[in-house]
Amino acid sequence: MIEAIIIDDEQSSQITLKNMVTGFCDNIKIVATAGSVAEGIKAIDKYHPDLVFLDVEMPVHNGFTLFDHFTEPPFNVIFTTAFQKYAIKAFRFSAIDYLLKPINLDDLRAAIKKVSSKKEIESTKEKLQTLKANLNNSCSKLALPTMEGYHFVEVKDIIRCQSQNNYTFFHLATGKKILVSRTLKIFSKMLEDHNFFRTSRSDLVNLNHIVTFGRQKSPTLTLSDNTKLRISTRRKEAFLNVIEKL
């Protein structure tokens, strides 16, 4: 049984979430609610929960300040927010679970299922550090879920992402290659504003790592790790437009 605490300054939000969890989510129990970060700290110290539902926007102290007290949190966290201004992209880059208000039941169930994993709990500190960095530096780090746990990499160090069926290989400037259990399509969307370009169905390239570009009939790129890649015919024109703007 997962024991959880809700920290939210709006009582109506506390009640709604508690009712959703109690009525529709198995293997989880709300042991306490709190209306502020200060109250939340006391509740955590008293109940030692496995999971904290944490509102981002609260008076006096926002939700992030909870981790000034718990620098190495022994619990997992799901952020809740009604404000998309809190860089939803930063949450995604950091592999931090969040729920947008009004909370969708399917999203709630999926988030609870995910954080029940021991690996998720063990990586909480690193994910929160990554989130903090991403909020301050426009998503400069990316949390990569693997079979062993999470790898946290600098976006600038990613040379290319290579599709392998429902998996993606990340090729890094260090020479390391990381296999991630998500499709290339997901990362293509995440990285589109970070100078990455889909050169083919199989490859997503960091444009900052292009060393040479041949303008022959079948254009070929050479990357900083000496990899050579062809640009698919249907992506050639779009690629040339992007290159001209760099």
C-alpha atoms as a PDB file:
ATOM      1  CA  MET A   1       0.000   0.000   0.000  1.00  0.00           C
ATOM      2  CA  ILE A   2       1.336   3.420  -1.020  1.00  0.00           C
ATOM      3  CA  GLU A   3       0.839   6.064   1.664  1.00  0.00           C
ATOM      4  CA  ALA A   4       0.490   9.592   0.288  1.00  0.00           C
ATOM      5  CA  ILE A   5       0.117  13.190   1.417  1.00  0.00           C
ATOM      6  CA  ILE A   6      -1.544  16.023  -0.496  1.00  0.00           C
ATOM      7  CA  ILE A   7      -0.037  19.522  -0.155  1.00  0.00           C
ATOM      8  CA  ASP A   8      -2.263  22.180  -1.727  1.00  0.00           C
ATOM      9  CA  ASP A   9      -3.386  25.574  -0.434  1.00  0.00           C
ATOM     10  CA  GLU A  10      -6.860  25.184  -1.982  1.00  0.00           C
ATOM     11  CA  GLN A  11      -9.094  22.975   0.159  1.00  0.00           C
ATOM     12  CA  SER A  12     -11.367  22.222  -2.787  1.00  0.00           C
ATOM     13  CA  SER A  13      -8.379  20.858  -4.727  1.00  0.00           C
ATOM     14  CA  GLN A  14      -7.358  18.739  -1.715  1.00  0.00           C
ATOM     15  CA  ILE A  15     -10.854  17.248  -1.462  1.00  0.00           C
ATOM     16  CA  THR A  16     -11.168  16.598  -5.195  1.00  0.00           C
ATOM     17  CA  LEU A  17      -7.827  14.823  -5.439  1.00  0.00           C
ATOM     18  CA  LYS A  18      -8.411  12.835  -2.247  1.00  0.00           C
ATOM     19  CA  ASN A  19     -11.813  11.672  -3.522  1.00  0.00           C
ATOM     20  CA  MET A  20     -10.334  10.653  -6.883  1.00  0.00           C
ATOM     21  CA  VAL A  21      -7.564   8.649  -5.232  1.00  0.00           C
ATOM     22  CA  THR A  22      -9.843   7.046  -2.640  1.00  0.00           C
ATOM     23  CA  GLY A  23     -12.616   6.208  -5.076  1.00  0.00           C
ATOM     24  CA  PHE A  24     -10.766   5.186  -8.205  1.00  0.00           C
ATOM     25  CA  CYS A  25      -7.118   4.298  -7.470  1.00  0.00           C
ATOM     26  CA  ASP A  26      -6.083   0.976  -5.975  1.00  0.00           C
ATOM     27  CA  ASN A  27      -3.239   0.333  -3.533  1.00  0.00           C
ATOM     28  CA  ILE A  28      -2.887   3.944  -2.372  1.00  0.00           C
ATOM     29  CA  LYS A  29      -4.057   5.707   0.789  1.00  0.00           C
ATOM     30  CA  ILE A  30      -4.114   9.434   1.561  1.00  0.00           C
ATOM     31  CA  VAL A  31      -2.824   9.669   5.144  1.00  0.00           C
ATOM     32  CA  ALA A  32      -2.840  13.474   5.468  1.00  0.00           C
ATOM     33  CA  THR A  33      -3.463  16.781   3.705  1.00  0.00           C
ATOM     34  CA  ALA A  34      -1.714  20.121   4.186  1.00  0.00           C
ATOM     35  CA  GLY A  35      -2.447  23.663   3.069  1.00  0.00           C
ATOM     36  CA  SER A  36       1.110  25.017   2.910  1.00  0.00           C
ATOM     37  CA  VAL A  37       4.737  23.959   2.591  1.00  0.00           C
ATOM     38  CA  ALA A  38       5.235  24.451   6.341  1.00  0.00           C
ATOM     39  CA  GLU A  39       2.254  22.202   7.146  1.00  0.00           C
ATOM     40  CA  GLY A  40       3.448  19.733   4.546  1.00  0.00           C
ATOM     41  CA  ILE A  41       6.870  19.442   6.193  1.00  0.00           C
ATOM     42  CA  LYS A  42       5.231  18.634   9.532  1.00  0.00           C
ATOM     43  CA  ALA A  43       2.960  16.031   7.905  1.00  0.00           C
ATOM     44  CA  ILE A  44       5.888  14.388   6.103  1.00  0.00           C
ATOM     45  CA  ASP A  45       7.928  14.236   9.311  1.00  0.00           C
ATOM     46  CA  LYS A  46       4.969  12.664  11.102  1.00  0.00           C
ATOM     47  CA  TYR A  47       3.700  10.156   8.518  1.00  0.00           C
ATOM     48  CA  HIS A  48       6.815   9.385   6.425  1.00  0.00           C
ATOM     49  CA  PRO A  49       4.814   8.965   3.184  1.00  0.00           C
ATOM     50  CA  ASP A  50       5.884   7.081   0.069  1.00  0.00           C
ATOM     51  CA  LEU A  51       4.408   9.771  -2.174  1.00  0.00           C
ATOM     52  CA  VAL A  52       3.621  13.502  -1.989  1.00  0.00           C
ATOM     53  CA  PHE A  53       1.170  15.272  -4.293  1.00  0.00           C
ATOM     54  CA  LEU A  54       2.610  18.786  -4.335  1.00  0.00           C
ATOM     55  CA  ASP A  55       0.940  21.924  -5.658  1.00  0.00           C
ATOM     56  CA  VAL A  56       3.374  24.229  -7.435  1.00  0.00           C
ATOM     57  CA  GLU A  57       1.680  27.584  -6.886  1.00  0.00           C
ATOM     58  CA  MET A  58       1.013  28.386  -3.218  1.00  0.00           C
ATOM     59  CA  PRO A  59       1.174  31.651  -1.218  1.00  0.00           C
ATOM     60  CA  VAL A  60       4.278  32.510   0.818  1.00  0.00           C
ATOM     61  CA  HIS A  61       6.291  29.532  -0.500  1.00  0.00           C
ATOM     62  CA  ASN A  62       5.765  27.658  -3.768  1.00  0.00           C
ATOM     63  CA  GLY A  63       5.980  23.886  -3.908  1.00  0.00           C
ATOM     64  CA  PHE A  64       9.623  23.800  -4.963  1.00  0.00           C
ATOM     65  CA  THR A  65      10.741  25.232  -1.620  1.00  0.00           C
ATOM     66  CA  LEU A  66       9.732  21.958   0.069  1.00  0.00           C
ATOM     67  CA  PHE A  67      13.036  20.575  -1.153  1.00  0.00           C
ATOM     68  CA  ASP A  68      15.026  23.177   0.707  1.00  0.00           C
ATOM     69  CA  HIS A  69      14.036  21.109   3.748  1.00  0.00           C
ATOM     70  CA  PHE A  70      14.178  17.661   2.134  1.00  0.00           C
ATOM     71  CA  THR A  71      17.396  17.867   0.115  1.00  0.00           C
ATOM     72  CA  GLU A  72      17.430  14.083  -0.241  1.00  0.00           C
ATOM     73  CA  PRO A  73      13.708  13.237  -0.220  1.00  0.00           C
ATOM     74  CA  PRO A  74      12.848   9.698   0.961  1.00  0.00           C
ATOM     75  CA  PHE A  75       9.568   9.902  -0.969  1.00  0.00           C
ATOM     76  CA  ASN A  76       8.447  10.332  -4.538  1.00  0.00           C
ATOM     77  CA  VAL A  77       6.602  13.413  -5.745  1.00  0.00           C
ATOM     78  CA  ILE A  78       3.897  14.228  -8.273  1.00  0.00           C
ATOM     79  CA  PHE A  79       3.514  17.950  -8.895  1.00  0.00           C
ATOM     80  CA  THR A  80       0.060  19.403  -9.496  1.00  0.00           C
ATOM     81  CA  THR A  81      -0.495  22.734 -11.193  1.00  0.00           C
ATOM     82  CA  ALA A  82      -3.119  24.793 -12.959  1.00  0.00           C
ATOM     83  CA  PHE A  83      -0.433  27.036 -14.448  1.00  0.00           C
ATOM     84  CA  GLN A  84       1.244  25.963 -17.673  1.00  0.00           C
ATOM     85  CA  LYS A  85       3.645  28.881 -17.215  1.00  0.00           C
ATOM     86  CA  TYR A  86       5.662  26.522 -15.008  1.00  0.00           C
ATOM     87  CA  ALA A  87       7.440  25.187 -18.070  1.00  0.00           C
ATOM     88  CA  ILE A  88       5.747  21.850 -18.627  1.00  0.00           C
ATOM     89  CA  LYS A  89       8.646  21.140 -20.976  1.00  0.00           C
ATOM     90  CA  ALA A  90      11.048  21.338 -18.021  1.00  0.00           C
ATOM     91  CA  PHE A  91       9.051  18.660 -16.202  1.00  0.00           C
ATOM     92  CA  ARG A  92       9.173  16.398 -19.252  1.00  0.00           C
ATOM     93  CA  PHE A  93      12.896  16.890 -19.773  1.00  0.00           C
ATOM     94  CA  SER A  94      13.474  16.011 -16.119  1.00  0.00           C
ATOM     95  CA  ALA A  95      11.179  12.942 -16.102  1.00  0.00           C
ATOM     96  CA  ILE A  96       9.249  14.526 -13.243  1.00  0.00           C
ATOM     97  CA  ASP A  97       5.613  13.515 -12.966  1.00  0.00           C
ATOM     98  CA  TYR A  98       3.066  16.308 -12.992  1.00  0.00           C
ATOM     99  CA  LEU A  99      -0.713  16.632 -13.268  1.00  0.00           C
ATOM    100  CA  LEU A 100      -2.452  19.609 -14.816  1.00  0.00           C
ATOM    101  CA  LYS A 101      -5.598  20.803 -13.042  1.00  0.00           C
ATOM    102  CA  PRO A 102      -8.403  19.889 -13.476  1.00  0.00           C
ATOM    103  CA  ILE A 103      -6.817  16.474 -13.012  1.00  0.00           C
ATOM    104  CA  ASN A 104      -7.688  13.734 -15.469  1.00  0.00           C
ATOM    105  CA  LEU A 105      -8.337  10.320 -13.856  1.00  0.00           C
ATOM    106  CA  ASP A 106      -6.358   8.355 -16.460  1.00  0.00           C
ATOM    107  CA  ASP A 107      -3.382  10.696 -16.011  1.00  0.00           C
ATOM    108  CA  LEU A 108      -3.644  10.296 -12.234  1.00  0.00           C
ATOM    109  CA  ARG A 109      -3.666   6.501 -12.426  1.00  0.00           C
ATOM    110  CA  ALA A 110      -0.731   6.475 -14.853  1.00  0.00           C
ATOM    111  CA  ALA A 111       1.326   8.787 -12.620  1.00  0.00           C
ATOM    112  CA  ILE A 112       0.654   6.691  -9.510  1.00  0.00           C
ATOM    113  CA  LYS A 113       1.557   3.489 -11.334  1.00  0.00           C
ATOM    114  CA  LYS A 114       4.830   5.008 -12.510  1.00  0.00           C
ATOM    115  CA  VAL A 115       5.980   6.356  -9.148  1.00  0.00           C
ATOM    116  CA  SER A 116       5.267   3.063  -7.374  1.00  0.00           C
ATOM    117  CA  SER A 117       8.465   1.748  -8.965  1.00  0.00           C
ATOM    118  CA  LYS A 118      11.443   1.548  -6.588  1.00  0.00           C
ATOM    119  CA  LYS A 119      13.714   2.895  -9.331  1.00  0.00           C
ATOM    120  CA  GLU A 120      11.551   6.015  -9.574  1.00  0.00           C
ATOM    121  CA  ILE A 121      11.916   6.665  -5.839  1.00  0.00           C
ATOM    122  CA  GLU A 122      15.676   6.122  -5.912  1.00  0.00           C
ATOM    123  CA  SER A 123      16.092   8.701  -8.686  1.00  0.00           C
ATOM    124  CA  THR A 124      13.938  11.431  -7.097  1.00  0.00           C
ATOM    125  CA  LYS A 125      16.868  13.584  -5.955  1.00  0.00           C
ATOM    126  CA  GLU A 126      18.587  13.522  -9.365  1.00  0.00           C
ATOM    127  CA  LYS A 127      15.333  14.285 -11.187  1.00  0.00           C
ATOM    128  CA  LEU A 128      14.617  17.251  -8.926  1.00  0.00           C
ATOM    129  CA  GLN A 129      18.135  18.598  -9.461  1.00  0.00           C
ATOM    130  CA  THR A 130      17.624  18.243 -13.200  1.00  0.00           C
ATOM    131  CA  LEU A 131      14.273  20.027 -12.975  1.00  0.00           C
ATOM    132  CA  LYS A 132      15.877  22.910 -11.090  1.00  0.00           C
ATOM    133  CA  ALA A 133      18.596  23.188 -13.728  1.00  0.00           C
ATOM    134  CA  ASN A 134      16.045  23.088 -16.533  1.00  0.00           C
ATOM    135  CA  LEU A 135      13.851  25.762 -14.991  1.00  0.00           C
ATOM    136  CA  ASN A 136      16.907  28.018 -14.675  1.00  0.00           C
ATOM    137  CA  ASN A 137      18.555  27.196 -17.999  1.00  0.00           C
ATOM    138  CA  SER A 138      15.784  26.576 -20.541  1.00  0.00           C
ATOM    139  CA  CYS A 139      15.893  22.781 -20.454  1.00  0.00           C
ATOM    140  CA  SER A 140      19.626  22.156 -20.646  1.00  0.00           C
ATOM    141  CA  LYS A 141      19.499  18.596 -19.252  1.00  0.00           C
ATOM    142  CA  LEU A 142      17.546  15.521 -20.234  1.00  0.00           C
ATOM    143  CA  ALA A 143      16.616  12.534 -18.048  1.00  0.00           C
ATOM    144  CA  LEU A 144      16.817   9.300 -20.044  1.00  0.00           C
ATOM    145  CA  PRO A 145      14.918   6.259 -18.694  1.00  0.00           C
ATOM    146  CA  THR A 146      16.798   2.989 -19.206  1.00  0.00           C
ATOM    147  CA  MET A 147      16.510  -0.565 -17.928  1.00  0.00           C
ATOM    148  CA  GLU A 148      19.042   0.252 -15.182  1.00  0.00           C
ATOM    149  CA  GLY A 149      17.460   3.537 -14.079  1.00  0.00           C
ATOM    150  CA  TYR A 150      17.904   7.125 -15.268  1.00  0.00           C
ATOM    151  CA  HIS A 151      20.823   8.734 -17.061  1.00  0.00           C
ATOM    152  CA  PHE A 152      21.010  12.536 -16.840  1.00  0.00           C
ATOM    153  CA  VAL A 153      22.738  14.101 -19.833  1.00  0.00           C
ATOM    154  CA  GLU A 154      23.462  17.598 -21.085  1.00  0.00           C
ATOM    155  CA  VAL A 155      21.457  18.321 -24.241  1.00  0.00           C
ATOM    156  CA  LYS A 156      24.531  19.922 -25.825  1.00  0.00           C
ATOM    157  CA  ASP A 157      26.415  16.613 -25.471  1.00  0.00           C
ATOM    158  CA  ILE A 158      23.894  14.644 -27.525  1.00  0.00           C
ATOM    159  CA  ILE A 159      25.287  14.142 -31.035  1.00  0.00           C
ATOM    160  CA  ARG A 160      22.364  12.202 -32.444  1.00  0.00           C
ATOM    161  CA  CYS A 161      19.434   9.980 -31.572  1.00  0.00           C
ATOM    162  CA  GLN A 162      18.972   6.784 -33.556  1.00  0.00           C
ATOM    163  CA  SER A 163      15.707   4.871 -33.836  1.00  0.00           C
ATOM    164  CA  GLN A 164      15.708   1.144 -33.028  1.00  0.00           C
ATOM    165  CA  ASN A 165      12.078   0.012 -33.365  1.00  0.00           C
ATOM    166  CA  ASN A 166      10.360   1.198 -30.151  1.00  0.00           C
ATOM    167  CA  TYR A 167      13.701   2.172 -28.596  1.00  0.00           C
ATOM    168  CA  THR A 168      16.133   5.031 -29.166  1.00  0.00           C
ATOM    169  CA  PHE A 169      19.937   5.027 -29.001  1.00  0.00           C
ATOM    170  CA  PHE A 170      21.493   8.254 -27.740  1.00  0.00           C
ATOM    171  CA  HIS A 171      25.024   8.855 -29.062  1.00  0.00           C
ATOM    172  CA  LEU A 172      26.929  11.240 -26.795  1.00  0.00           C
ATOM    173  CA  ALA A 173      30.018  13.384 -27.268  1.00  0.00           C
ATOM    174  CA  THR A 174      31.769  11.289 -24.620  1.00  0.00           C
ATOM    175  CA  GLY A 175      31.513   8.240 -26.894  1.00  0.00           C
ATOM    176  CA  LYS A 176      28.854   6.689 -24.681  1.00  0.00           C
ATOM    177  CA  LYS A 177      25.740   5.145 -26.234  1.00  0.00           C
ATOM    178  CA  ILE A 178      22.544   4.902 -24.170  1.00  0.00           C
ATOM    179  CA  LEU A 179      19.519   2.766 -25.078  1.00  0.00           C
ATOM    180  CA  VAL A 180      16.222   4.341 -24.020  1.00  0.00           C
ATOM    181  CA  SER A 181      12.876   2.573 -23.992  1.00  0.00           C
ATOM    182  CA  ARG A 182      10.991   5.279 -25.865  1.00  0.00           C
ATOM    183  CA  THR A 183      10.458   6.020 -29.543  1.00  0.00           C
ATOM    184  CA  LEU A 184      12.430   8.551 -31.554  1.00  0.00           C
ATOM    185  CA  LYS A 185       9.191  10.408 -32.287  1.00  0.00           C
ATOM    186  CA  ILE A 186       8.873  11.390 -28.612  1.00  0.00           C
ATOM    187  CA  PHE A 187      12.384  12.851 -28.454  1.00  0.00           C
ATOM    188  CA  SER A 188      12.036  14.519 -31.832  1.00  0.00           C
ATOM    189  CA  LYS A 189       9.138  16.535 -30.432  1.00  0.00           C
ATOM    190  CA  MET A 190      10.952  17.321 -27.178  1.00  0.00           C
ATOM    191  CA  LEU A 191      14.163  18.488 -28.856  1.00  0.00           C
ATOM    192  CA  GLU A 192      12.768  20.359 -31.846  1.00  0.00           C
ATOM    193  CA  ASP A 193      13.478  23.742 -30.226  1.00  0.00           C
ATOM    194  CA  HIS A 194      17.055  22.795 -29.330  1.00  0.00           C
ATOM    195  CA  ASN A 195      18.674  22.728 -32.777  1.00  0.00           C
ATOM    196  CA  PHE A 196      17.834  19.089 -33.507  1.00  0.00           C
ATOM    197  CA  PHE A 197      16.660  17.986 -36.942  1.00  0.00           C
ATOM    198  CA  ARG A 198      15.103  14.725 -38.134  1.00  0.00           C
ATOM    199  CA  THR A 199      17.290  13.840 -41.128  1.00  0.00           C
ATOM    200  CA  SER A 200      15.477  10.553 -41.771  1.00  0.00           C
ATOM    201  CA  ARG A 201      13.030   8.157 -40.164  1.00  0.00           C
ATOM    202  CA  SER A 202      15.931   6.693 -38.200  1.00  0.00           C
ATOM    203  CA  ASP A 203      18.022   9.703 -37.162  1.00  0.00           C
ATOM    204  CA  LEU A 204      17.597  12.890 -35.168  1.00  0.00           C
ATOM    205  CA  VAL A 205      20.709  15.066 -35.369  1.00  0.00           C
ATOM    206  CA  ASN A 206      22.078  17.835 -33.157  1.00  0.00           C
ATOM    207  CA  LEU A 207      22.889  20.532 -35.721  1.00  0.00           C
ATOM    208  CA  ASN A 208      25.621  21.884 -33.447  1.00  0.00           C
ATOM    209  CA  HIS A 209      27.582  18.666 -34.032  1.00  0.00           C
ATOM    210  CA  ILE A 210      27.624  18.868 -37.838  1.00  0.00           C
ATOM    211  CA  VAL A 211      31.209  19.118 -39.104  1.00  0.00           C
ATOM    212  CA  THR A 212      30.663  18.972 -42.868  1.00  0.00           C
ATOM    213  CA  PHE A 213      27.706  18.918 -45.232  1.00  0.00           C
ATOM    214  CA  GLY A 214      27.953  17.800 -48.838  1.00  0.00           C
ATOM    215  CA  ARG A 215      25.532  19.298 -51.346  1.00  0.00           C
ATOM    216  CA  GLN A 216      25.590  16.342 -53.732  1.00  0.00           C
ATOM    217  CA  LYS A 217      22.402  14.756 -55.088  1.00  0.00           C
ATOM    218  CA  SER A 218      22.117  12.638 -51.953  1.00  0.00           C
ATOM    219  CA  PRO A 219      23.379  15.059 -49.272  1.00  0.00           C
ATOM    220  CA  THR A 220      25.597  13.575 -46.571  1.00  0.00           C
ATOM    221  CA  LEU A 221      26.428  14.911 -43.122  1.00  0.00           C
ATOM    222  CA  THR A 222      29.576  14.261 -41.136  1.00  0.00           C
ATOM    223  CA  LEU A 223      29.103  14.609 -37.396  1.00  0.00           C
ATOM    224  CA  SER A 224      31.607  15.350 -34.650  1.00  0.00           C
ATOM    225  CA  ASP A 225      32.012  11.617 -33.900  1.00  0.00           C
ATOM    226  CA  ASN A 226      32.843  11.012 -37.598  1.00  0.00           C
ATOM    227  CA  THR A 227      29.459   9.399 -38.274  1.00  0.00           C
ATOM    228  CA  LYS A 228      28.224   9.980 -41.835  1.00  0.00           C
ATOM    229  CA  LEU A 229      24.486  10.196 -42.437  1.00  0.00           C
ATOM    230  CA  ARG A 230      22.404  10.698 -45.542  1.00  0.00           C
ATOM    231  CA  ILE A 231      19.495  13.117 -45.531  1.00  0.00           C
ATOM    232  CA  SER A 232      16.318  11.618 -46.914  1.00  0.00           C
ATOM    233  CA  THR A 233      15.118  13.192 -50.148  1.00  0.00           C
ATOM    234  CA  ARG A 234      11.864  14.448 -48.709  1.00  0.00           C
ATOM    235  CA  ARG A 235      13.675  16.175 -45.806  1.00  0.00           C
ATOM    236  CA  LYS A 236      16.417  17.786 -47.902  1.00  0.00           C
ATOM    237  CA  GLU A 237      14.634  21.086 -48.612  1.00  0.00           C
ATOM    238  CA  ALA A 238      13.573  21.555 -44.997  1.00  0.00           C
ATOM    239  CA  PHE A 239      17.121  20.805 -43.868  1.00  0.00           C
ATOM    240  CA  LEU A 240      18.605  23.406 -46.229  1.00  0.00           C
ATOM    241  CA  ASN A 241      16.157  26.002 -44.892  1.00  0.00           C
ATOM    242  CA  VAL A 242      17.187  25.233 -41.316  1.00  0.00           C
ATOM    243  CA  ILE A 243      20.906  25.344 -42.123  1.00  0.00           C
ATOM    244  CA  GLU A 244      20.576  28.766 -43.763  1.00  0.00           C
ATOM    245  CA  LYS A 245      19.078  30.188 -40.571  1.00  0.00           C
ATOM    246  CA  LEU A 246      21.858  28.955 -38.284  1.00  0.00           C
END
